[in-house]
Amino acid sequence: MVTKLITSINGVSRVDINIPERTVNVAYDSRVTDAYVIQMTLLKAGYKTIEEPRRVH
């Protein structure tokens, strides 16, 4: 469900979920969306988030 939720955001290109670590890594086009939009989408769906953005070139 989380993958479908996040990939529905315009600009998201990849979602990697690690269930044992309870983490989600999201790759997105910063010209289209940003970490705030992704975080708010997760919060509205009832998920707790901790933002740790990392730039990927």
PDB file of N, CA and C in Angstrom:
ATOM      1  N   MET A   1       0.820  -1.197   0.000  1.00  0.00           N
ATOM      2  CA  MET A   1       0.000   0.000   0.000  1.00  0.00           C
ATOM      3  C   MET A   1       0.866   1.264   0.000  1.00  0.00           C
ATOM      4  N   VAL A   2       1.955   1.254   0.754  1.00  0.00           N
ATOM      5  CA  VAL A   2       2.817   2.432   0.806  1.00  0.00           C
ATOM      6  C   VAL A   2       3.421   2.716  -0.565  1.00  0.00           C
ATOM      7  N   THR A   3       3.869   1.677  -1.246  1.00  0.00           N
ATOM      8  CA  THR A   3       4.462   1.862  -2.573  1.00  0.00           C
ATOM      9  C   THR A   3       3.465   2.508  -3.520  1.00  0.00           C
ATOM     10  N   LYS A   4       2.249   2.008  -3.531  1.00  0.00           N
ATOM     11  CA  LYS A   4       1.217   2.549  -4.419  1.00  0.00           C
ATOM     12  C   LYS A   4       0.904   4.002  -4.060  1.00  0.00           C
ATOM     13  N   LEU A   5       0.841   4.282  -2.774  1.00  0.00           N
ATOM     14  CA  LEU A   5       0.553   5.634  -2.304  1.00  0.00           C
ATOM     15  C   LEU A   5       1.627   6.617  -2.766  1.00  0.00           C
ATOM     16  N   ILE A   6       2.880   6.259  -2.557  1.00  0.00           N
ATOM     17  CA  ILE A   6       3.972   7.168  -2.898  1.00  0.00           C
ATOM     18  C   ILE A   6       4.160   7.287  -4.408  1.00  0.00           C
ATOM     19  N   THR A   7       4.045   6.178  -5.129  1.00  0.00           N
ATOM     20  CA  THR A   7       4.230   6.255  -6.583  1.00  0.00           C
ATOM     21  C   THR A   7       3.100   7.011  -7.269  1.00  0.00           C
ATOM     22  N   SER A   8       2.006   7.245  -6.561  1.00  0.00           N
ATOM     23  CA  SER A   8       0.921   8.038  -7.145  1.00  0.00           C
ATOM     24  C   SER A   8       1.266   9.528  -7.173  1.00  0.00           C
ATOM     25  N   ILE A   9       2.321   9.919  -6.477  1.00  0.00           N
ATOM     26  CA  ILE A   9       2.750  11.316  -6.461  1.00  0.00           C
ATOM     27  C   ILE A   9       3.529  11.603  -7.746  1.00  0.00           C
ATOM     28  N   ASN A  10       3.100  12.622  -8.466  1.00  0.00           N
ATOM     29  CA  ASN A  10       3.771  13.003  -9.703  1.00  0.00           C
ATOM     30  C   ASN A  10       5.220  13.375  -9.407  1.00  0.00           C
ATOM     31  N   GLY A  11       6.154  12.790 -10.147  1.00  0.00           N
ATOM     32  CA  GLY A  11       7.568  13.078  -9.973  1.00  0.00           C
ATOM     33  C   GLY A  11       8.340  11.997  -9.240  1.00  0.00           C
ATOM     34  N   VAL A  12       7.638  11.079  -8.572  1.00  0.00           N
ATOM     35  CA  VAL A  12       8.309   9.982  -7.871  1.00  0.00           C
ATOM     36  C   VAL A  12       8.709   8.927  -8.891  1.00  0.00           C
ATOM     37  N   SER A  13       9.985   8.531  -8.857  1.00  0.00           N
ATOM     38  CA  SER A  13      10.472   7.558  -9.837  1.00  0.00           C
ATOM     39  C   SER A  13      10.780   6.194  -9.236  1.00  0.00           C
ATOM     40  N   ARG A  14      11.037   6.143  -7.923  1.00  0.00           N
ATOM     41  CA  ARG A  14      11.360   4.851  -7.306  1.00  0.00           C
ATOM     42  C   ARG A  14      11.029   4.880  -5.823  1.00  0.00           C
ATOM     43  N   VAL A  15      10.541   3.732  -5.322  1.00  0.00           N
ATOM     44  CA  VAL A  15      10.258   3.564  -3.899  1.00  0.00           C
ATOM     45  C   VAL A  15      10.869   2.242  -3.465  1.00  0.00           C
ATOM     46  N   ASP A  16      11.750   2.300  -2.472  1.00  0.00           N
ATOM     47  CA  ASP A  16      12.364   1.095  -1.917  1.00  0.00           C
ATOM     48  C   ASP A  16      11.948   0.971  -0.459  1.00  0.00           C
ATOM     49  N   ILE A  17      11.293  -0.141  -0.134  1.00  0.00           N
ATOM     50  CA  ILE A  17      10.811  -0.366   1.227  1.00  0.00           C
ATOM     51  C   ILE A  17      11.640  -1.457   1.885  1.00  0.00           C
ATOM     52  N   ASN A  18      12.076  -1.199   3.124  1.00  0.00           N
ATOM     53  CA  ASN A  18      12.790  -2.181   3.924  1.00  0.00           C
ATOM     54  C   ASN A  18      11.932  -2.443   5.156  1.00  0.00           C
ATOM     55  N   ILE A  19      11.164  -3.519   5.121  1.00  0.00           N
ATOM     56  CA  ILE A  19      10.220  -3.815   6.199  1.00  0.00           C
ATOM     57  C   ILE A  19      10.922  -4.063   7.532  1.00  0.00           C
ATOM     58  N   PRO A  20      11.986  -4.893   7.597  1.00  0.00           N
ATOM     59  CA  PRO A  20      12.637  -5.121   8.893  1.00  0.00           C
ATOM     60  C   PRO A  20      13.157  -3.832   9.547  1.00  0.00           C
ATOM     61  N   GLU A  21      13.670  -2.914   8.738  1.00  0.00           N
ATOM     62  CA  GLU A  21      14.187  -1.654   9.275  1.00  0.00           C
ATOM     63  C   GLU A  21      13.117  -0.575   9.398  1.00  0.00           C
ATOM     64  N   ARG A  22      11.936  -0.847   8.841  1.00  0.00           N
ATOM     65  CA  ARG A  22      10.813   0.092   8.858  1.00  0.00           C
ATOM     66  C   ARG A  22      11.186   1.420   8.199  1.00  0.00           C
ATOM     67  N   THR A  23      11.825   1.310   7.019  1.00  0.00           N
ATOM     68  CA  THR A  23      12.234   2.505   6.288  1.00  0.00           C
ATOM     69  C   THR A  23      11.724   2.474   4.855  1.00  0.00           C
ATOM     70  N   VAL A  24      11.589   3.658   4.298  1.00  0.00           N
ATOM     71  CA  VAL A  24      11.201   3.823   2.900  1.00  0.00           C
ATOM     72  C   VAL A  24      12.142   4.859   2.295  1.00  0.00           C
ATOM     73  N   ASN A  25      12.760   4.511   1.187  1.00  0.00           N
ATOM     74  CA  ASN A  25      13.597   5.451   0.443  1.00  0.00           C
ATOM     75  C   ASN A  25      12.876   5.793  -0.853  1.00  0.00           C
ATOM     76  N   VAL A  26      12.800   7.085  -1.132  1.00  0.00           N
ATOM     77  CA  VAL A  26      12.048   7.558  -2.291  1.00  0.00           C
ATOM     78  C   VAL A  26      12.964   8.380  -3.192  1.00  0.00           C
ATOM     79  N   ALA A  27      12.978   8.044  -4.468  1.00  0.00           N
ATOM     80  CA  ALA A  27      13.687   8.846  -5.469  1.00  0.00           C
ATOM     81  C   ALA A  27      12.636   9.655  -6.222  1.00  0.00           C
ATOM     82  N   TYR A  28      12.904  10.956  -6.365  1.00  0.00           N
ATOM     83  CA  TYR A  28      11.926  11.814  -7.037  1.00  0.00           C
ATOM     84  C   TYR A  28      12.631  12.946  -7.761  1.00  0.00           C
ATOM     85  N   ASP A  29      11.913  13.519  -8.705  1.00  0.00           N
ATOM     86  CA  ASP A  29      12.402  14.655  -9.477  1.00  0.00           C
ATOM     87  C   ASP A  29      12.053  15.924  -8.701  1.00  0.00           C
ATOM     88  N   SER A  30      13.064  16.609  -8.183  1.00  0.00           N
ATOM     89  CA  SER A  30      12.828  17.797  -7.358  1.00  0.00           C
ATOM     90  C   SER A  30      12.260  18.976  -8.152  1.00  0.00           C
ATOM     91  N   ARG A  31      12.234  18.858  -9.473  1.00  0.00           N
ATOM     92  CA  ARG A  31      11.591  19.900 -10.278  1.00  0.00           C
ATOM     93  C   ARG A  31      10.082  19.713 -10.310  1.00  0.00           C
ATOM     94  N   VAL A  32       9.615  18.525  -9.881  1.00  0.00           N
ATOM     95  CA  VAL A  32       8.194  18.195  -9.959  1.00  0.00           C
ATOM     96  C   VAL A  32       7.552  18.125  -8.571  1.00  0.00           C
ATOM     97  N   THR A  33       8.254  17.576  -7.599  1.00  0.00           N
ATOM     98  CA  THR A  33       7.716  17.440  -6.246  1.00  0.00           C
ATOM     99  C   THR A  33       8.846  17.638  -5.253  1.00  0.00           C
ATOM    100  N   ASP A  34       8.532  17.540  -3.970  1.00  0.00           N
ATOM    101  CA  ASP A  34       9.576  17.682  -2.956  1.00  0.00           C
ATOM    102  C   ASP A  34       9.279  16.785  -1.758  1.00  0.00           C
ATOM    103  N   ALA A  35      10.223  16.745  -0.822  1.00  0.00           N
ATOM    104  CA  ALA A  35      10.101  15.874   0.345  1.00  0.00           C
ATOM    105  C   ALA A  35       8.870  16.227   1.178  1.00  0.00           C
ATOM    106  N   TYR A  36       8.515  17.516   1.234  1.00  0.00           N
ATOM    107  CA  TYR A  36       7.347  17.938   2.003  1.00  0.00           C
ATOM    108  C   TYR A  36       6.072  17.294   1.468  1.00  0.00           C
ATOM    109  N   VAL A  37       5.894  17.278   0.173  1.00  0.00           N
ATOM    110  CA  VAL A  37       4.695  16.679  -0.435  1.00  0.00           C
ATOM    111  C   VAL A  37       4.635  15.188  -0.119  1.00  0.00           C
ATOM    112  N   ILE A  38       5.770  14.516  -0.238  1.00  0.00           N
ATOM    113  CA  ILE A  38       5.816  13.078   0.049  1.00  0.00           C
ATOM    114  C   ILE A  38       5.512  12.827   1.522  1.00  0.00           C
ATOM    115  N   GLN A  39       6.138  13.601   2.395  1.00  0.00           N
ATOM    116  CA  GLN A  39       5.921  13.449   3.832  1.00  0.00           C
ATOM    117  C   GLN A  39       4.462  13.710   4.203  1.00  0.00           C
ATOM    118  N   MET A  40       3.864  14.751   3.681  1.00  0.00           N
ATOM    119  CA  MET A  40       2.469  15.067   3.995  1.00  0.00           C
ATOM    120  C   MET A  40       1.524  13.990   3.475  1.00  0.00           C
ATOM    121  N   THR A  41       1.819  13.417   2.324  1.00  0.00           N
ATOM    122  CA  THR A  41       1.007  12.324   1.789  1.00  0.00           C
ATOM    123  C   THR A  41       1.026  11.145   2.747  1.00  0.00           C
ATOM    124  N   LEU A  42       2.206  10.806   3.256  1.00  0.00           N
ATOM    125  CA  LEU A  42       2.326   9.699   4.211  1.00  0.00           C
ATOM    126  C   LEU A  42       1.628  10.012   5.531  1.00  0.00           C
ATOM    127  N   LEU A  43       1.794  11.225   6.036  1.00  0.00           N
ATOM    128  CA  LEU A  43       1.152  11.610   7.296  1.00  0.00           C
ATOM    129  C   LEU A  43      -0.368  11.558   7.189  1.00  0.00           C
ATOM    130  N   LYS A  44      -0.909  12.043   6.081  1.00  0.00           N
ATOM    131  CA  LYS A  44      -2.362  12.017   5.877  1.00  0.00           C
ATOM    132  C   LYS A  44      -2.900  10.598   5.802  1.00  0.00           C
ATOM    133  N   ALA A  45      -2.047   9.655   5.383  1.00  0.00           N
ATOM    134  CA  ALA A  45      -2.457   8.250   5.300  1.00  0.00           C
ATOM    135  C   ALA A  45      -2.255   7.523   6.633  1.00  0.00           C
ATOM    136  N   GLY A  46      -1.727   8.240   7.636  1.00  0.00           N
ATOM    137  CA  GLY A  46      -1.572   7.647   8.956  1.00  0.00           C
ATOM    138  C   GLY A  46      -0.203   7.079   9.267  1.00  0.00           C
ATOM    139  N   TYR A  47       0.775   7.358   8.410  1.00  0.00           N
ATOM    140  CA  TYR A  47       2.132   6.864   8.644  1.00  0.00           C
ATOM    141  C   TYR A  47       2.971   7.925   9.345  1.00  0.00           C
ATOM    142  N   LYS A  48       3.846   7.484  10.230  1.00  0.00           N
ATOM    143  CA  LYS A  48       4.776   8.377  10.909  1.00  0.00           C
ATOM    144  C   LYS A  48       6.002   8.542  10.019  1.00  0.00           C
ATOM    145  N   THR A  49       6.537   9.753   9.937  1.00  0.00           N
ATOM    146  CA  THR A  49       7.689   9.984   9.066  1.00  0.00           C
ATOM    147  C   THR A  49       8.814  10.692   9.806  1.00  0.00           C
ATOM    148  N   ILE A  50      10.010  10.399   9.376  1.00  0.00           N
ATOM    149  CA  ILE A  50      11.206  11.119   9.806  1.00  0.00           C
ATOM    150  C   ILE A  50      11.965  11.419   8.526  1.00  0.00           C
ATOM    151  N   GLU A  51      12.084  12.677   8.217  1.00  0.00           N
ATOM    152  CA  GLU A  51      12.714  13.059   6.952  1.00  0.00           C
ATOM    153  C   GLU A  51      14.227  13.071   7.092  1.00  0.00           C
ATOM    154  N   GLU A  52      14.890  12.338   6.247  1.00  0.00           N
ATOM    155  CA  GLU A  52      16.347  12.344   6.156  1.00  0.00           C
ATOM    156  C   GLU A  52      16.717  12.431   4.680  1.00  0.00           C
ATOM    157  N   PRO A  53      16.533  13.599   4.069  1.00  0.00           N
ATOM    158  CA  PRO A  53      16.784  13.709   2.631  1.00  0.00           C
ATOM    159  C   PRO A  53      18.260  13.582   2.294  1.00  0.00           C
ATOM    160  N   ARG A  54      18.514  12.919   1.182  1.00  0.00           N
ATOM    161  CA  ARG A  54      19.864  12.782   0.642  1.00  0.00           C
ATOM    162  C   ARG A  54      19.803  13.051  -0.840  1.00  0.00           C
ATOM    163  N   ARG A  55      20.722  13.842  -1.335  1.00  0.00           N
ATOM    164  CA  ARG A  55      20.767  14.124  -2.775  1.00  0.00           C
ATOM    165  C   ARG A  55      21.423  12.988  -3.519  1.00  0.00           C
ATOM    166  N   VAL A  56      20.812  12.627  -4.632  1.00  0.00           N
ATOM    167  CA  VAL A  56      21.377  11.626  -5.531  1.00  0.00           C
ATOM    168  C   VAL A  56      21.599  12.310  -6.865  1.00  0.00           C
ATOM    169  N   HIS A  57      22.780  12.245  -7.383  1.00  0.00           N
ATOM    170  CA  HIS A  57      23.102  12.924  -8.651  1.00  0.00           C
ATOM    171  C   HIS A  57      22.929  11.996  -9.809  1.00  0.00           C
TER     172      HIS A  57
END
